Structure formats: structure tokens, C-alpha cells
C-alpha atoms as a PDB file:
ATOM      1  CA  MET A   1     113.826 123.471 167.486  1.00  0.00           C
ATOM      2  CA  SER A   2     113.302 126.583 165.274  1.00  0.00           C
ATOM      3  CA  ASN A   3     109.785 127.827 164.106  1.00  0.00           C
ATOM      4  CA  ASN A   4     111.299 129.253 161.120  1.00  0.00           C
ATOM      5  CA  SER A   5     109.971 127.641 157.866  1.00  0.00           C
ATOM      6  CA  ASN A   6     113.281 128.558 156.105  1.00  0.00           C
ATOM      7  CA  SER A   7     115.246 125.936 157.900  1.00  0.00           C
ATOM      8  CA  ILE A   8     116.685 123.255 156.032  1.00  0.00           C
ATOM      9  CA  ASN A   9     115.687 119.865 157.625  1.00  0.00           C
ATOM     10  CA  VAL A  10     118.459 117.797 156.736  1.00  0.00           C
ATOM     11  CA  PRO A  11     121.785 119.854 157.719  1.00  0.00           C
ATOM     12  CA  GLU A  12     124.110 117.807 155.392  1.00  0.00           C
ATOM     13  CA  ALA A  13     121.867 118.900 152.507  1.00  0.00           C
ATOM     14  CA  LYS A  14     122.119 122.747 153.303  1.00  0.00           C
ATOM     15  CA  GLN A  15     125.524 122.870 150.780  1.00  0.00           C
ATOM     16  CA  ALA A  16     123.633 121.484 147.909  1.00  0.00           C
ATOM     17  CA  MET A  17     120.689 123.396 148.748  1.00  0.00           C
ATOM     18  CA  ASN A  18     122.948 126.882 148.440  1.00  0.00           C
ATOM     19  CA  GLN A  19     124.597 125.331 145.034  1.00  0.00           C
ATOM     20  CA  PHE A  20     120.660 124.568 143.593  1.00  0.00           C
ATOM     21  CA  LYS A  21     119.767 128.251 144.831  1.00  0.00           C
ATOM     22  CA  MET A  22     122.928 129.850 142.765  1.00  0.00           C
ATOM     23  CA  GLU A  23     122.839 127.339 139.809  1.00  0.00           C
ATOM     24  CA  CYS A  24     118.843 128.824 139.287  1.00  0.00           C
ATOM     25  CA  ALA A  25     119.949 131.907 139.979  1.00  0.00           C
ATOM     26  CA  ASN A  26     122.181 132.324 137.220  1.00  0.00           C
ATOM     27  CA  GLU A  27     119.733 130.725 134.701  1.00  0.00           C
ATOM     28  CA  VAL A  28     117.221 133.708 135.493  1.00  0.00           C
ATOM     29  CA  GLY A  29     119.908 136.367 135.125  1.00  0.00           C
ATOM     30  CA  VAL A  30     119.707 136.945 138.965  1.00  0.00           C
ATOM     31  CA  ASN A  31     123.561 137.598 140.306  1.00  0.00           C
ATOM     32  CA  LEU A  32     123.445 136.138 143.899  1.00  0.00           C
ATOM     33  CA  LYS A  33     126.331 135.932 146.111  1.00  0.00           C
ATOM     34  CA  GLU A  34     127.571 134.439 149.404  1.00  0.00           C
ATOM     35  CA  GLY A  35     126.190 135.451 152.471  1.00  0.00           C
ATOM     36  CA  TYR A  36     123.726 138.704 152.643  1.00  0.00           C
ATOM     37  CA  ASN A  37     121.487 138.957 149.272  1.00  0.00           C
ATOM     38  CA  GLY A  38     119.001 141.523 151.085  1.00  0.00           C
ATOM     39  CA  ASP A  39     119.429 143.945 148.071  1.00  0.00           C
ATOM     40  CA  LEU A  40     117.766 142.182 145.936  1.00  0.00           C
ATOM     41  CA  THR A  41     114.190 143.408 144.863  1.00  0.00           C
ATOM     42  CA  SER A  42     111.144 141.018 145.045  1.00  0.00           C
ATOM     43  CA  ARG A  43     110.934 140.274 141.561  1.00  0.00           C
ATOM     44  CA  GLN A  44     114.582 139.196 141.743  1.00  0.00           C
ATOM     45  CA  ALA A  45     113.810 136.796 144.855  1.00  0.00           C
ATOM     46  CA  GLY A  46     111.281 136.116 143.922  1.00  0.00           C
ATOM     47  CA  SER A  47     112.361 134.718 139.822  1.00  0.00           C
ATOM     48  CA  VAL A  48     114.798 132.670 142.100  1.00  0.00           C
ATOM     49  CA  GLY A  49     112.505 130.794 144.087  1.00  0.00           C
ATOM     50  CA  GLY A  50     109.948 130.183 141.558  1.00  0.00           C
ATOM     51  CA  GLN A  51     112.693 128.681 138.981  1.00  0.00           C
ATOM     52  CA  MET A  52     114.066 126.608 142.103  1.00  0.00           C
ATOM     53  CA  VAL A  53     110.477 124.934 142.574  1.00  0.00           C
ATOM     54  CA  LYS A  54     109.969 124.615 138.666  1.00  0.00           C
ATOM     55  CA  LYS A  55     113.138 122.558 138.705  1.00  0.00           C
ATOM     56  CA  MET A  56     112.154 120.522 141.688  1.00  0.00           C
ATOM     57  CA  ILE A  57     108.794 119.954 140.342  1.00  0.00           C
ATOM     58  CA  GLU A  58     110.430 118.365 137.158  1.00  0.00           C
ATOM     59  CA  ALA A  59     112.703 116.438 139.021  1.00  0.00           C
ATOM     60  CA  TYR A  60     109.659 114.605 140.954  1.00  0.00           C
ATOM     61  CA  GLU A  61     107.928 114.280 137.248  1.00  0.00           C
ATOM     62  CA  ARG A  62     110.732 112.707 135.930  1.00  0.00           C
ATOM     63  CA  SER A  63     111.010 110.076 138.755  1.00  0.00           C
ATOM     64  CA  MET A  64     107.562 109.038 138.639  1.00  0.00           C
END
């Protein structure tokens, strides 16, 4: 098993997570492309990750 903390624990969720990431990137105005996105600035990458976390917390709070 990989020690990579970025790995998807449920392989079937990979496509859904990629779609979620693309949606969040679109919401914050970051142009992601399929595959390699190493040319993004730290600010751009962070804004996508932050938006993902924000939406996951909102979804969790709605389910409470």
C-alpha cells in the first residue's frame, strides 16, 4: 500500500472526486485541465483545495 496521503481510499470514487475538483476549480476561476496541472501557482492550487474543503464541510453540516 502507498504512503501517499493524497491517494483515494475508495477507487470507485476517483472519477467523482476528479469531477468535484473540476467543479470547484471552475467556481473559483481556475482553469484546470485533465492530467498534469503542475503549472498552477500555489495560490491557484490552494484556492481549489480550499473550495473543496468548504463544500465538503457545508455538505456535512447539512447532513447533521
